[in-house]
PDB file of N, CA and C in Angstrom:
ATOM      1  N   ASN A   1       5.676  21.591 -70.357  1.00  0.00           N
ATOM      2  CA  ASN A   1       6.170  22.008 -68.584  1.00  0.00           C
ATOM      3  C   ASN A   1       7.641  22.999 -68.696  1.00  0.00           C
ATOM      4  N   LEU A   2       6.624  24.275 -67.812  1.00  0.00           N
ATOM      5  CA  LEU A   2       7.241  25.207 -67.677  1.00  0.00           C
ATOM      6  C   LEU A   2       8.723  25.259 -66.951  1.00  0.00           C
ATOM      7  N   GLU A   3       9.043  23.949 -66.374  1.00  0.00           N
ATOM      8  CA  GLU A   3      10.072  24.029 -65.186  1.00  0.00           C
ATOM      9  C   GLU A   3      11.418  23.702 -65.870  1.00  0.00           C
ATOM     10  N   GLY A   4      12.512  23.989 -65.601  1.00  0.00           N
ATOM     11  CA  GLY A   4      13.990  23.677 -65.825  1.00  0.00           C
ATOM     12  C   GLY A   4      14.329  24.407 -66.921  1.00  0.00           C
ATOM     13  N   PRO A   5      14.970  23.694 -67.899  1.00  0.00           N
ATOM     14  CA  PRO A   5      15.350  24.563 -68.413  1.00  0.00           C
ATOM     15  C   PRO A   5      14.876  25.049 -69.907  1.00  0.00           C
ATOM     16  N   TYR A   6      13.971  24.144 -69.811  1.00  0.00           N
ATOM     17  CA  TYR A   6      13.427  24.798 -71.121  1.00  0.00           C
ATOM     18  C   TYR A   6      11.888  25.996 -70.848  1.00  0.00           C
ATOM     19  N   ALA A   7      11.828  26.071 -69.954  1.00  0.00           N
ATOM     20  CA  ALA A   7      10.917  27.757 -69.322  1.00  0.00           C
ATOM     21  C   ALA A   7      12.155  28.744 -70.305  1.00  0.00           C
ATOM     22  N   MET A   8      13.446  28.723 -69.671  1.00  0.00           N
ATOM     23  CA  MET A   8      13.999  29.550 -70.784  1.00  0.00           C
ATOM     24  C   MET A   8      14.058  30.006 -71.790  1.00  0.00           C
ATOM     25  N   GLU A   9      13.631  28.996 -72.408  1.00  0.00           N
ATOM     26  CA  GLU A   9      13.590  29.007 -73.926  1.00  0.00           C
ATOM     27  C   GLU A   9      12.686  29.609 -74.716  1.00  0.00           C
ATOM     28  N   LEU A  10      11.526  29.482 -73.933  1.00  0.00           N
ATOM     29  CA  LEU A  10      10.386  30.053 -74.318  1.00  0.00           C
ATOM     30  C   LEU A  10      10.495  31.568 -75.050  1.00  0.00           C
ATOM     31  N   THR A  11       9.876  31.834 -76.144  1.00  0.00           N
ATOM     32  CA  THR A  11      10.093  33.193 -77.056  1.00  0.00           C
ATOM     33  C   THR A  11       8.867  34.112 -76.093  1.00  0.00           C
ATOM     34  N   LEU A  12       8.769  35.311 -76.369  1.00  0.00           N
ATOM     35  CA  LEU A  12       7.945  36.291 -75.799  1.00  0.00           C
ATOM     36  C   LEU A  12       6.688  35.597 -76.523  1.00  0.00           C
ATOM     37  N   SER A  13       6.743  35.643 -77.858  1.00  0.00           N
ATOM     38  CA  SER A  13       5.210  35.027 -78.702  1.00  0.00           C
ATOM     39  C   SER A  13       4.956  33.963 -77.836  1.00  0.00           C
ATOM     40  N   ASP A  14       5.806  32.774 -77.629  1.00  0.00           N
ATOM     41  CA  ASP A  14       5.146  31.821 -76.847  1.00  0.00           C
ATOM     42  C   ASP A  14       4.812  31.746 -75.533  1.00  0.00           C
ATOM     43  N   LEU A  15       5.278  32.713 -74.939  1.00  0.00           N
ATOM     44  CA  LEU A  15       4.608  33.173 -73.606  1.00  0.00           C
ATOM     45  C   LEU A  15       3.176  33.731 -73.731  1.00  0.00           C
ATOM     46  N   ALA A  16       3.197  34.672 -74.621  1.00  0.00           N
ATOM     47  CA  ALA A  16       1.730  35.555 -75.109  1.00  0.00           C
ATOM     48  C   ALA A  16       0.898  34.493 -75.734  1.00  0.00           C
ATOM     49  N   GLU A  17       1.069  33.431 -76.091  1.00  0.00           N
ATOM     50  CA  GLU A  17       0.357  32.543 -77.000  1.00  0.00           C
ATOM     51  C   GLU A  17      -0.285  31.417 -75.325  1.00  0.00           C
ATOM     52  N   LEU A  18       0.684  31.300 -74.761  1.00  0.00           N
ATOM     53  CA  LEU A  18       0.526  30.129 -73.939  1.00  0.00           C
ATOM     54  C   LEU A  18      -0.276  31.114 -72.640  1.00  0.00           C
ATOM     55  N   GLU A  19      -0.476  32.228 -72.762  1.00  0.00           N
ATOM     56  CA  GLU A  19      -1.228  33.306 -71.958  1.00  0.00           C
ATOM     57  C   GLU A  19      -2.809  33.131 -72.656  1.00  0.00           C
ATOM     58  N   LYS A  20      -3.144  33.419 -73.947  1.00  0.00           N
ATOM     59  CA  LYS A  20      -4.103  33.220 -74.498  1.00  0.00           C
ATOM     60  C   LYS A  20      -4.817  32.081 -74.349  1.00  0.00           C
ATOM     61  N   GLN A  21      -3.827  31.086 -74.597  1.00  0.00           N
ATOM     62  CA  GLN A  21      -4.503  29.316 -74.077  1.00  0.00           C
ATOM     63  C   GLN A  21      -5.283  29.374 -72.674  1.00  0.00           C
ATOM     64  N   LEU A  22      -4.351  30.202 -72.031  1.00  0.00           N
ATOM     65  CA  LEU A  22      -4.830  29.901 -70.219  1.00  0.00           C
ATOM     66  C   LEU A  22      -5.910  30.771 -69.868  1.00  0.00           C
ATOM     67  N   HIS A  23      -6.207  32.306 -70.627  1.00  0.00           N
ATOM     68  CA  HIS A  23      -6.766  32.759 -70.779  1.00  0.00           C
ATOM     69  C   HIS A  23      -8.387  32.077 -71.161  1.00  0.00           C
ATOM     70  N   ALA A  24      -7.905  31.380 -72.324  1.00  0.00           N
ATOM     71  CA  ALA A  24      -9.399  30.960 -72.719  1.00  0.00           C
ATOM     72  C   ALA A  24      -9.751  29.289 -72.078  1.00  0.00           C
ATOM     73  N   THR A  25      -8.916  28.568 -71.807  1.00  0.00           N
ATOM     74  CA  THR A  25      -9.399  27.753 -70.657  1.00  0.00           C
ATOM     75  C   THR A  25      -9.981  28.509 -69.667  1.00  0.00           C
ATOM     76  N   LEU A  26      -9.498  29.146 -68.769  1.00  0.00           N
ATOM     77  CA  LEU A  26      -9.864  29.746 -67.402  1.00  0.00           C
ATOM     78  C   LEU A  26     -11.441  30.059 -68.253  1.00  0.00           C
ATOM     79  N   THR A  27     -11.677  30.473 -69.025  1.00  0.00           N
ATOM     80  CA  THR A  27     -12.621  31.565 -68.966  1.00  0.00           C
ATOM     81  C   THR A  27     -13.833  30.100 -69.281  1.00  0.00           C
ATOM     82  N   HIS A  28     -13.389  29.154 -70.334  1.00  0.00           N
ATOM     83  CA  HIS A  28     -14.198  27.997 -69.844  1.00  0.00           C
ATOM     84  C   HIS A  28     -14.683  27.745 -68.826  1.00  0.00           C
ATOM     85  N   VAL A  29     -13.400  27.294 -68.265  1.00  0.00           N
ATOM     86  CA  VAL A  29     -13.939  26.994 -66.519  1.00  0.00           C
ATOM     87  C   VAL A  29     -14.806  27.476 -66.234  1.00  0.00           C
ATOM     88  N   ARG A  30     -14.571  28.787 -65.953  1.00  0.00           N
ATOM     89  CA  ARG A  30     -15.242  29.654 -65.461  1.00  0.00           C
ATOM     90  C   ARG A  30     -17.188  29.700 -65.640  1.00  0.00           C
ATOM     91  N   ALA A  31     -17.336  29.622 -67.046  1.00  0.00           N
ATOM     92  CA  ALA A  31     -18.201  29.192 -67.756  1.00  0.00           C
ATOM     93  C   ALA A  31     -19.205  28.157 -67.476  1.00  0.00           C
ATOM     94  N   ARG A  32     -18.654  27.163 -67.189  1.00  0.00           N
ATOM     95  CA  ARG A  32     -18.786  25.756 -66.905  1.00  0.00           C
ATOM     96  C   ARG A  32     -19.342  25.807 -65.453  1.00  0.00           C
ATOM     97  N   LYS A  33     -18.353  26.301 -64.270  1.00  0.00           N
ATOM     98  CA  LYS A  33     -18.364  26.444 -63.307  1.00  0.00           C
ATOM     99  C   LYS A  33     -20.386  27.148 -62.866  1.00  0.00           C
ATOM    100  N   ILE A  34     -20.200  28.329 -63.432  1.00  0.00           N
ATOM    101  CA  ILE A  34     -21.518  29.176 -63.365  1.00  0.00           C
ATOM    102  C   ILE A  34     -22.666  28.200 -64.126  1.00  0.00           C
ATOM    103  N   GLN A  35     -22.899  27.715 -65.460  1.00  0.00           N
ATOM    104  CA  GLN A  35     -23.932  26.459 -65.651  1.00  0.00           C
ATOM    105  C   GLN A  35     -24.365  25.623 -64.655  1.00  0.00           C
ATOM    106  N   MET A  36     -22.991  25.159 -64.288  1.00  0.00           N
ATOM    107  CA  MET A  36     -23.326  24.079 -62.858  1.00  0.00           C
ATOM    108  C   MET A  36     -24.195  24.634 -61.428  1.00  0.00           C
ATOM    109  N   MET A  37     -23.858  25.938 -61.138  1.00  0.00           N
ATOM    110  CA  MET A  37     -24.094  26.447 -60.245  1.00  0.00           C
ATOM    111  C   MET A  37     -25.645  26.990 -60.573  1.00  0.00           C
ATOM    112  N   LEU A  38     -26.212  27.361 -61.779  1.00  0.00           N
ATOM    113  CA  LEU A  38     -27.171  27.634 -62.382  1.00  0.00           C
ATOM    114  C   LEU A  38     -27.942  26.523 -62.271  1.00  0.00           C
ATOM    115  N   GLU A  39     -27.770  25.090 -62.236  1.00  0.00           N
ATOM    116  CA  GLU A  39     -28.459  23.848 -62.658  1.00  0.00           C
ATOM    117  C   GLU A  39     -28.817  23.393 -60.926  1.00  0.00           C
ATOM    118  N   SER A  40     -27.570  23.742 -60.492  1.00  0.00           N
ATOM    119  CA  SER A  40     -27.924  23.483 -59.008  1.00  0.00           C
ATOM    120  C   SER A  40     -29.166  24.180 -58.081  1.00  0.00           C
ATOM    121  N   VAL A  41     -29.020  25.439 -58.683  1.00  0.00           N
ATOM    122  CA  VAL A  41     -30.436  26.638 -58.185  1.00  0.00           C
ATOM    123  C   VAL A  41     -31.380  26.163 -58.478  1.00  0.00           C
ATOM    124  N   LYS A  42     -31.203  26.104 -60.154  1.00  0.00           N
ATOM    125  CA  LYS A  42     -32.528  25.701 -59.951  1.00  0.00           C
ATOM    126  C   LYS A  42     -33.178  24.065 -59.645  1.00  0.00           C
ATOM    127  N   SER A  43     -32.231  23.174 -59.386  1.00  0.00           N
ATOM    128  CA  SER A  43     -32.847  22.122 -58.766  1.00  0.00           C
ATOM    129  C   SER A  43     -33.121  22.115 -57.570  1.00  0.00           C
ATOM    130  N   LEU A  44     -32.524  23.086 -56.643  1.00  0.00           N
ATOM    131  CA  LEU A  44     -33.166  23.492 -55.353  1.00  0.00           C
ATOM    132  C   LEU A  44     -34.558  24.325 -55.216  1.00  0.00           C
ATOM    133  N   HIS A  45     -34.581  25.414 -56.046  1.00  0.00           N
ATOM    134  CA  HIS A  45     -36.271  25.709 -56.433  1.00  0.00           C
ATOM    135  C   HIS A  45     -37.116  24.997 -56.453  1.00  0.00           C
ATOM    136  N   ASP A  46     -36.901  23.804 -57.510  1.00  0.00           N
ATOM    137  CA  ASP A  46     -37.647  22.793 -57.764  1.00  0.00           C
ATOM    138  C   ASP A  46     -37.992  21.791 -56.624  1.00  0.00           C
ATOM    139  N   GLN A  47     -37.139  21.556 -55.944  1.00  0.00           N
ATOM    140  CA  GLN A  47     -37.497  20.981 -54.680  1.00  0.00           C
ATOM    141  C   GLN A  47     -37.914  21.795 -53.738  1.00  0.00           C
ATOM    142  N   GLU A  48     -37.413  23.081 -53.694  1.00  0.00           N
ATOM    143  CA  GLU A  48     -38.691  23.868 -52.126  1.00  0.00           C
ATOM    144  C   GLU A  48     -39.873  23.768 -52.833  1.00  0.00           C
ATOM    145  N   LYS A  49     -40.424  24.081 -54.264  1.00  0.00           N
ATOM    146  CA  LYS A  49     -41.602  24.076 -54.859  1.00  0.00           C
ATOM    147  C   LYS A  49     -42.485  22.389 -54.193  1.00  0.00           C
ATOM    148  N   MET A  50     -41.521  21.430 -54.645  1.00  0.00           N
ATOM    149  CA  MET A  50     -41.979  20.036 -53.820  1.00  0.00           C
ATOM    150  C   MET A  50     -42.652  20.486 -52.703  1.00  0.00           C
ATOM    151  N   LEU A  51     -41.412  20.625 -51.683  1.00  0.00           N
ATOM    152  CA  LEU A  51     -41.445  20.627 -50.202  1.00  0.00           C
ATOM    153  C   LEU A  51     -42.609  21.189 -49.432  1.00  0.00           C
ATOM    154  N   LYS A  52     -42.672  22.382 -50.688  1.00  0.00           N
ATOM    155  CA  LYS A  52     -43.771  23.240 -50.099  1.00  0.00           C
ATOM    156  C   LYS A  52     -45.268  23.109 -50.540  1.00  0.00           C
ATOM    157  N   GLU A  53     -45.529  22.016 -51.479  1.00  0.00           N
ATOM    158  CA  GLU A  53     -46.269  21.569 -51.785  1.00  0.00           C
ATOM    159  C   GLU A  53     -46.996  20.576 -50.846  1.00  0.00           C
ATOM    160  N   GLU A  54     -45.803  19.877 -50.545  1.00  0.00           N
ATOM    161  CA  GLU A  54     -45.966  18.774 -49.471  1.00  0.00           C
ATOM    162  C   GLU A  54     -46.375  18.943 -48.028  1.00  0.00           C
ATOM    163  N   ASN A  55     -46.222  20.175 -47.607  1.00  0.00           N
ATOM    164  CA  ASN A  55     -46.015  20.928 -46.527  1.00  0.00           C
ATOM    165  C   ASN A  55     -47.824  21.535 -46.551  1.00  0.00           C
ATOM    166  N   GLN A  56     -47.942  21.871 -47.513  1.00  0.00           N
ATOM    167  CA  GLN A  56     -49.231  22.174 -47.462  1.00  0.00           C
ATOM    168  C   GLN A  56     -50.473  21.141 -47.742  1.00  0.00           C
ATOM    169  N   LEU A  57     -50.148  19.768 -48.058  1.00  0.00           N
ATOM    170  CA  LEU A  57     -50.719  18.897 -47.993  1.00  0.00           C
ATOM    171  C   LEU A  57     -50.930  18.083 -46.686  1.00  0.00           C
ATOM    172  N   LEU A  58     -49.853  18.166 -45.937  1.00  0.00           N
ATOM    173  CA  LEU A  58     -50.034  17.409 -44.682  1.00  0.00           C
ATOM    174  C   LEU A  58     -50.458  18.840 -43.722  1.00  0.00           C
ATOM    175  N   GLU A  59     -50.669  20.045 -44.016  1.00  0.00           N
ATOM    176  CA  GLU A  59     -51.278  20.897 -43.034  1.00  0.00           C
ATOM    177  C   GLU A  59     -52.483  20.895 -43.399  1.00  0.00           C
ATOM    178  N   LYS A  60     -53.388  20.524 -44.399  1.00  0.00           N
ATOM    179  CA  LYS A  60     -54.548  20.128 -44.811  1.00  0.00           C
ATOM    180  C   LYS A  60     -55.058  18.914 -44.096  1.00  0.00           C
ATOM    181  N   GLN A  61     -54.294  17.755 -44.293  1.00  0.00           N
ATOM    182  CA  GLN A  61     -54.448  16.609 -43.185  1.00  0.00           C
ATOM    183  C   GLN A  61     -54.609  16.903 -41.913  1.00  0.00           C
ATOM    184  N   ILE A  62     -53.159  17.751 -41.442  1.00  0.00           N
ATOM    185  CA  ILE A  62     -54.006  17.634 -39.750  1.00  0.00           C
ATOM    186  C   ILE A  62     -54.905  18.612 -39.497  1.00  0.00           C
ATOM    187  N   VAL A  63     -55.602  19.581 -40.360  1.00  0.00           N
ATOM    188  CA  VAL A  63     -56.633  20.295 -40.150  1.00  0.00           C
ATOM    189  C   VAL A  63     -57.714  19.584 -39.998  1.00  0.00           C
ATOM    190  N   ALA A  64     -57.670  18.451 -41.098  1.00  0.00           N
ATOM    191  CA  ALA A  64     -58.687  17.612 -41.216  1.00  0.00           C
ATOM    192  C   ALA A  64     -59.051  16.298 -40.060  1.00  0.00           C
ATOM    193  N   MET A  65     -57.722  16.171 -39.707  1.00  0.00           N
ATOM    194  CA  MET A  65     -57.989  15.239 -38.347  1.00  0.00           C
ATOM    195  C   MET A  65     -58.273  16.051 -37.451  1.00  0.00           C
ATOM    196  N   LYS A  66     -57.809  16.939 -37.366  1.00  0.00           N
ATOM    197  CA  LYS A  66     -58.563  18.007 -35.832  1.00  0.00           C
ATOM    198  C   LYS A  66     -59.894  17.982 -35.736  1.00  0.00           C
ATOM    199  N   ASN A  67     -60.597  18.473 -37.004  1.00  0.00           N
ATOM    200  CA  ASN A  67     -61.639  18.658 -37.356  1.00  0.00           C
ATOM    201  C   ASN A  67     -62.731  17.391 -37.077  1.00  0.00           C
ATOM    202  N   GLY A  68     -61.925  16.230 -37.090  1.00  0.00           N
ATOM    203  CA  GLY A  68     -62.940  14.615 -37.204  1.00  0.00           C
ATOM    204  C   GLY A  68     -63.067  14.737 -38.554  1.00  0.00           C
ATOM    205  N   LYS A  69     -62.696  15.207 -39.560  1.00  0.00           N
ATOM    206  CA  LYS A  69     -63.288  14.458 -40.542  1.00  0.00           C
ATOM    207  C   LYS A  69     -62.373  13.592 -41.313  1.00  0.00           C
ATOM    208  N   ASP A  70     -61.520  13.163 -41.185  1.00  0.00           N
ATOM    209  CA  ASP A  70     -60.293  12.275 -40.977  1.00  0.00           C
ATOM    210  C   ASP A  70     -60.076  11.155 -40.425  1.00  0.00           C
ATOM    211  N   SER A  71     -61.354  11.046 -39.611  1.00  0.00           N
ATOM    212  CA  SER A  71     -60.958   9.942 -38.516  1.00  0.00           C
ATOM    213  C   SER A  71     -60.497   8.006 -38.906  1.00  0.00           C
ATOM    214  N   ASP A  72     -60.646   8.142 -40.128  1.00  0.00           N
ATOM    215  CA  ASP A  72     -60.310   6.531 -40.644  1.00  0.00           C
ATOM    216  C   ASP A  72     -58.826   7.102 -41.087  1.00  0.00           C
ATOM    217  N   HIS A  73     -58.224   7.951 -40.855  1.00  0.00           N
ATOM    218  CA  HIS A  73     -56.596   7.955 -41.456  1.00  0.00           C
ATOM    219  C   HIS A  73     -55.675   7.206 -40.247  1.00  0.00           C
ATOM    220  N   PRO A  74     -54.846   6.487 -40.868  1.00  0.00           N
ATOM    221  CA  PRO A  74     -54.316   5.912 -39.906  1.00  0.00           C
ATOM    222  C   PRO A  74     -53.268   6.508 -39.153  1.00  0.00           C
ATOM    223  N   LEU A  75     -53.015   7.722 -39.255  1.00  0.00           N
ATOM    224  CA  LEU A  75     -52.388   8.625 -38.444  1.00  0.00           C
ATOM    225  C   LEU A  75     -53.424   9.305 -37.041  1.00  0.00           C
ATOM    226  N   TYR A  76     -54.457   9.151 -37.526  1.00  0.00           N
ATOM    227  CA  TYR A  76     -55.328   9.515 -36.282  1.00  0.00           C
ATOM    228  C   TYR A  76     -55.435   8.609 -35.261  1.00  0.00           C
ATOM    229  N   HIS A  77     -55.529   7.481 -35.685  1.00  0.00           N
ATOM    230  CA  HIS A  77     -55.578   6.219 -34.487  1.00  0.00           C
ATOM    231  C   HIS A  77     -53.988   5.500 -34.730  1.00  0.00           C
ATOM    232  N   PRO A  78     -53.471   5.872 -33.398  1.00  0.00           N
ATOM    233  CA  PRO A  78     -51.848   5.302 -32.830  1.00  0.00           C
ATOM    234  C   PRO A  78     -52.291   3.979 -32.731  1.00  0.00           C
ATOM    235  N   PRO A  79     -51.182   3.083 -33.394  1.00  0.00           N
ATOM    236  CA  PRO A  79     -51.355   1.807 -33.721  1.00  0.00           C
ATOM    237  C   PRO A  79     -51.497   0.800 -31.986  1.00  0.00           C
ATOM    238  N   GLN A  80     -52.318  -0.195 -31.626  1.00  0.00           N
ATOM    239  CA  GLN A  80     -52.388  -0.572 -30.740  1.00  0.00           C
ATOM    240  C   GLN A  80     -51.156  -1.824 -30.701  1.00  0.00           C
ATOM    241  N   GLN A  81     -50.690  -1.888 -29.259  1.00  0.00           N
ATOM    242  CA  GLN A  81     -49.700  -2.467 -29.279  1.00  0.00           C
ATOM    243  C   GLN A  81     -50.282  -4.021 -28.679  1.00  0.00           C
ATOM    244  N   THR A  82     -49.994  -5.260 -29.400  1.00  0.00           N
ATOM    245  CA  THR A  82     -50.021  -6.270 -29.185  1.00  0.00           C
ATOM    246  C   THR A  82     -49.392  -7.449 -28.116  1.00  0.00           C
ATOM    247  N   THR A  83     -49.892  -7.747 -27.097  1.00  0.00           N
ATOM    248  CA  THR A  83     -48.935  -8.552 -26.188  1.00  0.00           C
ATOM    249  C   THR A  83     -48.500 -10.031 -26.656  1.00  0.00           C
ATOM    250  N   LEU A  84     -47.440  -9.744 -26.587  1.00  0.00           N
ATOM    251  CA  LEU A  84     -46.629 -11.067 -26.918  1.00  0.00           C
ATOM    252  C   LEU A  84     -47.277 -12.554 -26.440  1.00  0.00           C
ATOM    253  N   SER A  85     -47.687 -13.603 -26.978  1.00  0.00           N
ATOM    254  CA  SER A  85     -47.825 -14.634 -26.309  1.00  0.00           C
ATOM    255  C   SER A  85     -47.149 -15.110 -25.296  1.00  0.00           C
ATOM    256  N   LEU A  86     -45.854 -15.391 -25.707  1.00  0.00           N
ATOM    257  CA  LEU A  86     -45.031 -15.523 -23.986  1.00  0.00           C
ATOM    258  C   LEU A  86     -45.229 -14.801 -22.996  1.00  0.00           C
ATOM    259  N   LEU A  87     -45.743 -13.459 -23.146  1.00  0.00           N
ATOM    260  CA  LEU A  87     -45.410 -12.967 -22.077  1.00  0.00           C
ATOM    261  C   LEU A  87     -46.929 -13.323 -21.175  1.00  0.00           C
ATOM    262  N   LYS A  88     -47.909 -13.769 -21.698  1.00  0.00           N
ATOM    263  CA  LYS A  88     -49.328 -14.075 -21.084  1.00  0.00           C
ATOM    264  C   LYS A  88     -49.030 -14.686 -20.258  1.00  0.00           C
TER     265      LYS A  88
END
């Protein structure tokens, strides 16, 4: 703790050693931060690739549906509403 009367008791070499320790710790923290950011970027790139592939598949399905090639697809025919027996 560098507060209070103990701060005045530190020698120049103590302060130099403390500075070295702080620098090493800060370097470690920055390296970890960079590593985490790179992992996040990779994850986002992977997600982007997956979404692009999914989008291409959906676009192909839309084209097929418009051309009538996939008329049995559930999205091609909207569900019919059934009448409740109570309302008859």
